[in-house]
Amino acid sequence: MNRREVLRTSSGTMVMALAASAGLLKADAAYAEEWNKTAFEVKNLNDVVKALGGTTATESKDISFVNAPDIAENGAVVPVGAASKIPKTELIAILVEKNPNALSANFTIPDGTDPIITTRVKMGQTSNIYALVKADGKYFYAVKEVKVTLGGCGG
């Protein structure tokens, strides 16, 4: 190792140690939830809601799509985002109705965080996209059709 590599490695370690000793890093602050395999294997909205612990979902005007296009030029990378105005939003999930597995992404929203997410999903064909929101223990959704013109059979 040369001197620069030693300095670079040790400086990162030193910063982490200082942050931990100052109380800026806490062991419980960073955690991962257990992966819900069942939710990612089901085929439709109602089954996803049940796999996530709910019973039914209600359509809501307080959920909006941030950057989901009307027409996706490439089904391999379709940008999708959702925002919730529902108080006490705990979770936002993105579902693609005609994909082999409906649930594409699942985001836990910590308290005090703006409930806005963005991601990219793969779509094999023109389909409805659902933004599923869990707020105060209840499930809500919004739906939008996205037409796929390349990389799928939509159009």
Protein backbone atom coordinates (compact mmCIF):
# COMPACT_ATOMS: atom_id res chain seq x y z
CA MET A 1 0.00 0.00 0.00
CA ASN A 2 1.24 3.44 -0.73
CA ARG A 3 0.87 6.40 1.58
CA ARG A 4 -2.20 7.88 -0.21
CA GLU A 5 -4.17 4.64 0.04
CA VAL A 6 -3.37 4.38 3.75
CA LEU A 7 -4.48 7.98 4.35
CA ARG A 8 -7.68 7.54 2.34
CA THR A 9 -8.62 4.30 4.16
CA SER A 10 -7.75 5.53 7.60
CA SER A 11 -9.50 8.89 7.15
CA GLY A 12 -12.81 7.16 6.31
CA THR A 13 -12.47 4.92 9.33
CA MET A 14 -11.64 7.91 11.51
CA VAL A 15 -14.72 9.84 10.33
CA MET A 16 -16.98 6.85 11.10
CA ALA A 17 -15.40 6.42 14.55
CA LEU A 18 -15.83 10.11 15.36
CA ALA A 19 -19.46 10.06 14.21
CA ALA A 20 -20.17 6.99 16.34
CA SER A 21 -18.48 8.44 19.42
CA ALA A 22 -20.39 11.72 18.99
CA GLY A 23 -23.68 9.81 18.94
CA LEU A 24 -24.42 10.64 15.30
CA LEU A 25 -24.47 6.96 14.33
CA LYS A 26 -26.78 4.67 16.21
CA ALA A 27 -27.08 0.94 15.74
CA ASP A 28 -30.87 1.05 15.53
CA ALA A 29 -30.94 3.92 13.01
CA ALA A 30 -30.07 1.72 10.03
CA TYR A 31 -32.05 -1.46 9.71
CA ALA A 32 -33.45 -3.68 7.02
CA GLU A 33 -36.87 -5.20 7.15
CA GLU A 34 -37.27 -8.84 6.33
CA TRP A 35 -38.07 -9.38 2.66
CA ASN A 36 -41.73 -10.23 2.09
CA LYS A 37 -41.30 -12.94 -0.57
CA THR A 38 -45.03 -13.68 -0.75
CA ALA A 39 -45.93 -10.08 -1.65
CA PHE A 40 -43.50 -10.13 -4.58
CA GLU A 41 -44.86 -13.43 -5.93
CA VAL A 42 -48.59 -12.64 -6.18
CA LYS A 43 -50.28 -11.54 -9.39
CA ASN A 44 -52.77 -8.72 -8.61
CA LEU A 45 -53.50 -5.71 -6.39
CA ASN A 46 -55.85 -7.47 -3.94
CA ASP A 47 -53.39 -10.31 -3.36
CA VAL A 48 -50.54 -7.82 -2.75
CA VAL A 49 -52.66 -5.98 -0.18
CA LYS A 50 -53.39 -9.26 1.60
CA ALA A 51 -49.71 -10.31 1.51
CA LEU A 52 -48.77 -6.95 3.06
CA GLY A 53 -51.24 -7.50 5.91
CA GLY A 54 -54.30 -5.59 4.72
CA THR A 55 -57.75 -6.66 3.62
CA THR A 56 -58.80 -4.28 0.82
CA ALA A 57 -57.58 -1.10 -0.86
CA THR A 58 -59.65 1.97 -1.66
CA GLU A 59 -59.02 4.26 -4.64
CA SER A 60 -57.85 7.72 -3.54
CA LYS A 61 -57.43 11.10 -5.24
CA ASP A 62 -54.77 11.98 -2.63
CA ILE A 63 -52.22 9.77 -4.41
CA SER A 64 -50.58 11.12 -7.53
CA PHE A 65 -48.08 9.85 -10.06
CA VAL A 66 -45.01 12.07 -10.16
CA ASN A 67 -43.24 11.05 -13.35
CA ALA A 68 -45.02 8.07 -14.90
CA PRO A 69 -45.27 8.68 -18.65
CA ASP A 70 -48.41 8.18 -20.71
CA ILE A 71 -46.28 6.43 -23.34
CA ALA A 72 -43.05 4.62 -22.48
CA GLU A 73 -40.66 4.45 -25.40
CA ASN A 74 -38.72 1.60 -23.81
CA GLY A 75 -40.40 -0.97 -21.58
CA ALA A 76 -37.07 -1.99 -20.04
CA VAL A 77 -36.72 1.25 -18.03
CA VAL A 78 -39.97 3.05 -17.30
CA PRO A 79 -39.65 5.89 -14.79
CA VAL A 80 -42.39 5.81 -12.15
CA GLY A 81 -42.89 7.99 -9.11
CA ALA A 82 -45.70 8.44 -6.64
CA ALA A 83 -46.60 10.94 -3.95
CA SER A 84 -49.14 10.68 -1.17
CA LYS A 85 -51.04 13.50 0.52
CA ILE A 86 -52.65 11.03 2.94
CA PRO A 87 -51.62 11.73 6.55
CA LYS A 88 -49.51 9.08 8.32
CA THR A 89 -48.29 7.44 5.10
CA GLU A 90 -46.22 4.40 6.11
CA LEU A 91 -45.57 2.63 2.81
CA ILE A 92 -45.68 3.26 -0.94
CA ALA A 93 -45.57 0.33 -3.36
CA ILE A 94 -45.52 0.26 -7.17
CA LEU A 95 -47.40 -2.52 -8.98
CA VAL A 96 -47.47 -3.33 -12.70
CA GLU A 97 -50.66 -5.20 -13.49
CA LYS A 98 -49.53 -7.29 -16.50
CA ASN A 99 -46.04 -8.16 -15.28
CA PRO A 100 -45.52 -11.80 -14.21
CA ASN A 101 -45.32 -10.58 -10.59
CA ALA A 102 -47.39 -7.48 -9.90
CA LEU A 103 -45.33 -5.90 -7.08
CA SER A 104 -42.29 -4.14 -8.53
CA ALA A 105 -41.13 -1.96 -5.64
CA ASN A 106 -42.00 -1.48 -1.98
CA PHE A 107 -40.82 1.56 0.02
CA THR A 108 -41.17 2.08 3.77
CA ILE A 109 -41.73 5.77 4.58
CA PRO A 110 -40.21 6.81 7.95
CA ASP A 111 -42.09 9.26 10.20
CA GLY A 112 -41.39 12.89 9.30
CA THR A 113 -40.43 12.06 5.71
CA ASP A 114 -42.19 13.45 2.64
CA PRO A 115 -44.07 10.50 1.13
CA ILE A 116 -42.63 10.78 -2.39
CA ILE A 117 -40.78 7.99 -4.19
CA THR A 118 -39.30 7.51 -7.66
CA THR A 119 -37.92 4.42 -9.31
CA ARG A 120 -37.72 2.65 -12.65
CA VAL A 121 -39.65 -0.50 -13.49
CA LYS A 122 -39.62 -2.99 -16.33
CA MET A 123 -42.83 -3.45 -18.28
CA GLY A 124 -43.33 -6.22 -20.81
CA GLN A 125 -46.40 -4.61 -22.36
CA THR A 126 -48.94 -1.82 -22.05
CA SER A 127 -50.42 -2.07 -18.57
CA ASN A 128 -51.99 -0.31 -15.61
CA ILE A 129 -49.55 0.84 -12.96
CA TYR A 130 -50.77 1.09 -9.37
CA ALA A 131 -49.37 3.24 -6.59
CA LEU A 132 -50.39 1.47 -3.38
CA VAL A 133 -50.19 3.46 -0.13
CA LYS A 134 -50.51 2.24 3.43
CA ALA A 135 -51.53 5.08 5.73
CA ASP A 136 -52.65 4.75 9.34
CA GLY A 137 -53.09 0.99 8.85
CA LYS A 138 -55.37 1.32 5.78
CA TYR A 139 -54.55 0.76 2.11
CA PHE A 140 -55.28 3.18 -0.74
CA TYR A 141 -54.33 3.18 -4.41
CA ALA A 142 -54.20 5.22 -7.60
CA VAL A 143 -54.01 3.75 -11.09
CA LYS A 144 -52.58 4.96 -14.41
CA GLU A 145 -52.25 3.26 -17.78
CA VAL A 146 -48.79 3.37 -19.37
CA LYS A 147 -48.49 2.39 -23.02
CA VAL A 148 -45.27 0.59 -23.98
CA THR A 149 -44.09 1.06 -27.57
CA LEU A 150 -40.65 -0.66 -27.55
CA GLY A 151 -39.40 -3.65 -25.60
CA GLY A 152 -42.91 -4.96 -25.15
CA CYS A 153 -46.01 -5.65 -27.17
CA GLY A 154 -47.96 -2.50 -26.24
CA GLY A 155 -48.80 0.42 -28.42
